[in-house]
Amino acid sequence: MTTQTEVSTGAKPPEPEVEKQRTWRDYFTFNTDHKVIGIQYLVTSFIFYLIGGALAGVMRTELATPNPNFVQPEFYNRLFTMHGTIMIFLWIIPAGAGFANYLIPLMIGAKDMAFPRLNAVAFWIIPIGGLLLLGSFFVGAPQAGWTSYPPLSLLTGKAGEELWILSVLLLGTSSILGAINFVTTIWKMRVPSMGWNDMPLLCWSMLATSGLILIGTPVLA
């Protein structure tokens, strides 16, 4: 007859991780949680979307009649420049980064982004760049369009043009920092069972987009 004896090791199973309860203050601070940063991106970009949409509304009102009855041609050029810059650099790009920040770590089984502090820095550069861009209105906003091609960019107000350049440079820096984070997170922080062919389409699209940003944005800057 065999007697089986249970040996108690005294070890307790690991307790499940409890997600920290967030407060509204977390969204106004230097937070390293990828979900908080994702929402910060989305809310900030939506605010700038409303500003850019308001500028577009003024432009469409002016185009309702052939004559410049609502705003003068120089001011229309400023509206056109600011609208294009805001919609591209402060709405489309940050909104995409916001969705990616929130979803990609969840999709690949990572606890957070690869560089949480760098992630927070990349976000907080955006409102600074946006405020600089809006501040150019008070010193003579640029009139050369969102591409700022010469010779028109050389003939308009230099102070506003310089603020525009500094703003775009900051926003480009934010995109580069975010791209480094996305590439590293997707490449190195997937769960072991997830191969390249198992990744969701959003991860592939952000990996490709981040690669293009790392190749093209430094050259444009």
Protein backbone atom coordinates (compact mmCIF):
# COMPACT_ATOMS: atom_id res chain seq x y z
CA MET A 1 0.00 0.00 0.00
CA THR A 2 1.35 3.37 -1.01
CA THR A 3 0.69 6.47 1.03
CA GLN A 4 0.79 9.80 -0.77
CA THR A 5 1.81 12.73 1.36
CA GLU A 6 1.09 16.26 0.24
CA VAL A 7 3.98 18.60 0.84
CA SER A 8 3.03 22.15 1.57
CA THR A 9 5.62 24.61 0.38
CA GLY A 10 3.90 27.64 1.87
CA ALA A 11 4.11 29.51 -1.44
CA LYS A 12 1.12 31.63 -2.38
CA PRO A 13 -0.01 32.08 -5.96
CA PRO A 14 0.75 35.53 -7.34
CA GLU A 15 -2.05 38.00 -6.89
CA PRO A 16 -3.50 39.51 -10.04
CA GLU A 17 -2.37 43.04 -10.82
CA VAL A 18 -4.93 45.68 -10.00
CA GLU A 19 -5.01 48.65 -12.34
CA LYS A 20 -4.42 51.94 -10.58
CA GLN A 21 -7.49 54.11 -10.25
CA ARG A 22 -6.98 57.25 -12.29
CA THR A 23 -8.22 60.73 -11.44
CA TRP A 24 -8.71 63.78 -13.63
CA ARG A 25 -5.43 65.19 -12.32
CA ASP A 26 -3.51 62.39 -14.02
CA TYR A 27 -4.45 63.82 -17.41
CA PHE A 28 -2.88 67.21 -16.62
CA THR A 29 0.44 65.93 -15.30
CA PHE A 30 3.61 64.31 -16.62
CA ASN A 31 2.18 60.79 -16.60
CA THR A 32 3.94 57.73 -18.01
CA ASP A 33 0.86 55.46 -18.36
CA HIS A 34 0.32 54.71 -22.04
CA LYS A 35 -3.47 54.90 -21.65
CA VAL A 36 -3.30 58.33 -20.02
CA ILE A 37 -0.90 59.57 -22.68
CA GLY A 38 -3.14 58.20 -25.42
CA ILE A 39 -6.11 60.12 -24.07
CA GLN A 40 -3.95 63.23 -23.65
CA TYR A 41 -3.00 62.96 -27.32
CA LEU A 42 -6.61 62.52 -28.43
CA VAL A 43 -8.06 65.36 -26.34
CA THR A 44 -5.29 67.79 -27.25
CA SER A 45 -5.51 67.00 -30.95
CA PHE A 46 -9.30 67.40 -30.86
CA ILE A 47 -8.95 70.85 -29.29
CA PHE A 48 -6.62 71.90 -32.09
CA TYR A 49 -9.03 70.33 -34.58
CA LEU A 50 -11.74 72.68 -33.32
CA ILE A 51 -9.38 75.64 -33.68
CA GLY A 52 -8.40 74.61 -37.21
CA GLY A 53 -12.06 74.04 -38.06
CA ALA A 54 -12.93 77.53 -36.83
CA LEU A 55 -10.25 78.99 -39.11
CA ALA A 56 -11.69 76.97 -42.00
CA GLY A 57 -15.14 78.38 -41.22
CA VAL A 58 -13.79 81.92 -41.51
CA MET A 59 -12.14 81.03 -44.82
CA ARG A 60 -15.35 79.52 -46.23
CA THR A 61 -17.29 82.59 -45.15
CA GLU A 62 -14.88 84.78 -47.07
CA LEU A 63 -15.19 82.57 -50.17
CA ALA A 64 -18.98 82.95 -50.15
CA THR A 65 -18.63 86.14 -52.22
CA PRO A 66 -16.11 87.09 -54.93
CA ASN A 67 -15.00 90.26 -53.15
CA PRO A 68 -12.94 90.38 -49.91
CA ASN A 69 -15.83 91.49 -47.73
CA PHE A 70 -15.06 89.50 -44.58
CA VAL A 71 -11.25 89.40 -44.27
CA GLN A 72 -8.46 91.00 -46.25
CA PRO A 73 -6.33 88.90 -48.66
CA GLU A 74 -3.25 89.02 -46.39
CA PHE A 75 -5.25 87.78 -43.42
CA TYR A 76 -6.83 85.07 -45.59
CA ASN A 77 -3.34 83.80 -46.43
CA ARG A 78 -2.56 83.67 -42.72
CA LEU A 79 -5.74 81.71 -42.04
CA PHE A 80 -4.91 79.31 -44.86
CA THR A 81 -1.39 78.74 -43.53
CA MET A 82 -2.47 78.23 -39.94
CA HIS A 83 -5.39 75.98 -40.89
CA GLY A 84 -3.20 73.66 -42.97
CA THR A 85 -0.46 73.49 -40.35
CA ILE A 86 -2.88 72.80 -37.50
CA MET A 87 -4.83 70.12 -39.33
CA ILE A 88 -1.71 68.18 -40.34
CA PHE A 89 0.73 68.62 -37.48
CA LEU A 90 -1.69 69.16 -34.58
CA TRP A 91 -4.71 67.05 -35.53
CA ILE A 92 -4.04 64.14 -37.90
CA ILE A 93 -0.60 63.10 -36.66
CA PRO A 94 -1.25 63.45 -32.88
CA ALA A 95 -4.66 61.76 -33.17
CA GLY A 96 -3.06 58.73 -34.82
CA ALA A 97 -0.39 58.66 -32.13
CA GLY A 98 -3.10 58.81 -29.47
CA PHE A 99 -4.94 55.75 -30.78
CA ALA A 100 -1.65 53.89 -31.19
CA ASN A 101 -0.47 54.75 -27.68
CA TYR A 102 -3.66 53.46 -26.15
CA LEU A 103 -4.11 50.31 -28.26
CA ILE A 104 -0.74 48.93 -29.35
CA PRO A 105 0.54 47.80 -25.91
CA LEU A 106 -2.81 46.08 -25.33
CA MET A 107 -2.66 44.38 -28.73
CA ILE A 108 0.84 42.96 -28.33
CA GLY A 109 0.55 42.04 -24.64
CA ALA A 110 2.95 44.69 -23.31
CA LYS A 111 2.44 46.41 -19.97
CA ASP A 112 3.43 49.79 -21.38
CA MET A 113 5.47 51.42 -24.11
CA ALA A 114 9.18 50.67 -24.28
CA PHE A 115 10.18 54.16 -23.10
CA PRO A 116 7.38 55.57 -20.92
CA ARG A 117 9.18 58.82 -20.00
CA LEU A 118 10.14 59.46 -23.60
CA ASN A 119 6.51 58.84 -24.47
CA ALA A 120 5.40 61.55 -22.05
CA VAL A 121 8.04 63.98 -23.36
CA ALA A 122 6.86 63.38 -26.93
CA PHE A 123 3.33 64.34 -25.93
CA TRP A 124 4.14 67.46 -23.91
CA ILE A 125 6.15 68.89 -26.80
CA ILE A 126 2.91 69.07 -28.81
CA PRO A 127 0.99 71.67 -26.75
CA ILE A 128 4.17 73.77 -26.51
CA GLY A 129 4.56 73.69 -30.29
CA GLY A 130 0.86 74.42 -30.76
CA LEU A 131 0.96 77.46 -28.48
CA LEU A 132 4.01 78.79 -30.33
CA LEU A 133 2.16 78.36 -33.61
CA LEU A 134 -0.91 80.21 -32.35
CA GLY A 135 1.33 82.88 -30.84
CA SER A 136 2.59 83.79 -34.31
CA PHE A 137 -0.80 85.44 -34.88
CA PHE A 138 0.26 88.24 -32.53
CA VAL A 139 3.52 89.01 -34.33
CA GLY A 140 2.34 88.59 -37.91
CA ALA A 141 1.37 85.03 -38.76
CA PRO A 142 3.07 83.41 -41.79
CA GLN A 143 1.34 83.67 -45.16
CA ALA A 144 3.30 81.12 -47.20
CA GLY A 145 1.03 78.10 -46.75
CA TRP A 146 1.70 75.03 -44.64
CA THR A 147 4.63 74.08 -46.92
CA SER A 148 6.25 77.54 -46.47
CA TYR A 149 7.92 77.52 -49.87
CA PRO A 150 10.08 80.44 -50.99
CA PRO A 151 9.94 83.07 -52.38
CA LEU A 152 6.64 83.81 -50.59
CA SER A 153 8.03 82.71 -47.23
CA LEU A 154 10.85 85.24 -47.64
CA LEU A 155 8.51 88.16 -48.29
CA THR A 156 6.13 87.81 -45.34
CA GLY A 157 6.60 88.70 -41.67
CA LYS A 158 9.85 87.22 -40.42
CA ALA A 159 8.88 86.99 -36.74
CA GLY A 160 5.76 84.96 -37.50
CA GLU A 161 7.64 82.79 -39.99
CA GLU A 162 10.36 82.05 -37.44
CA LEU A 163 7.79 81.07 -34.82
CA TRP A 164 6.13 78.82 -37.41
CA ILE A 165 9.46 77.14 -38.20
CA LEU A 166 10.23 76.63 -34.50
CA SER A 167 6.76 75.19 -33.93
CA VAL A 168 7.02 72.73 -36.82
CA LEU A 169 10.51 71.75 -35.66
CA LEU A 170 9.16 70.92 -32.19
CA LEU A 171 6.23 68.98 -33.62
CA GLY A 172 8.59 67.05 -35.88
CA THR A 173 10.78 66.23 -32.88
CA SER A 174 7.71 64.89 -31.08
CA SER A 175 6.93 62.66 -34.07
CA ILE A 176 10.49 61.31 -34.16
CA LEU A 177 10.48 60.49 -30.44
CA GLY A 178 7.12 58.78 -30.78
CA ALA A 179 8.30 56.80 -33.81
CA ILE A 180 11.35 55.52 -31.91
CA ASN A 181 9.06 54.39 -29.12
CA PHE A 182 6.58 52.64 -31.42
CA VAL A 183 9.26 50.78 -33.37
CA THR A 184 11.00 49.58 -30.20
CA THR A 185 7.74 48.59 -28.51
CA ILE A 186 6.43 46.60 -31.48
CA TRP A 187 9.80 45.01 -32.19
CA LYS A 188 10.87 44.03 -28.68
CA MET A 189 7.85 43.91 -26.36
CA ARG A 190 5.47 41.48 -28.05
CA VAL A 191 4.48 38.42 -26.07
CA PRO A 192 6.73 35.44 -26.99
CA SER A 193 3.86 33.62 -28.69
CA MET A 194 3.15 36.50 -31.11
CA GLY A 195 5.12 36.27 -34.33
CA TRP A 196 5.34 38.88 -37.04
CA ASN A 197 2.50 37.29 -38.99
CA ASP A 198 0.30 37.30 -35.89
CA MET A 199 0.45 41.05 -35.30
CA PRO A 200 -2.74 43.09 -35.78
CA LEU A 201 -2.94 45.37 -38.79
CA LEU A 202 -2.71 48.51 -36.62
CA CYS A 203 0.69 47.38 -35.35
CA TRP A 204 1.93 46.82 -38.89
CA SER A 205 0.63 50.20 -40.05
CA MET A 206 2.24 52.04 -37.13
CA LEU A 207 5.50 50.17 -37.68
CA ALA A 208 5.54 51.25 -41.33
CA THR A 209 4.49 54.82 -40.49
CA SER A 210 7.12 55.13 -37.78
CA GLY A 211 9.77 53.89 -40.18
CA LEU A 212 8.80 56.55 -42.71
CA ILE A 213 8.87 59.22 -39.99
CA LEU A 214 12.36 58.19 -38.91
CA ILE A 215 13.58 58.30 -42.50
CA GLY A 216 11.80 61.42 -43.76
CA THR A 217 11.20 63.82 -40.88
CA PRO A 218 14.87 64.50 -39.95
CA VAL A 219 15.61 65.30 -43.60
CA LEU A 220 12.67 67.72 -43.84
CA ALA A 221 13.69 69.40 -40.57
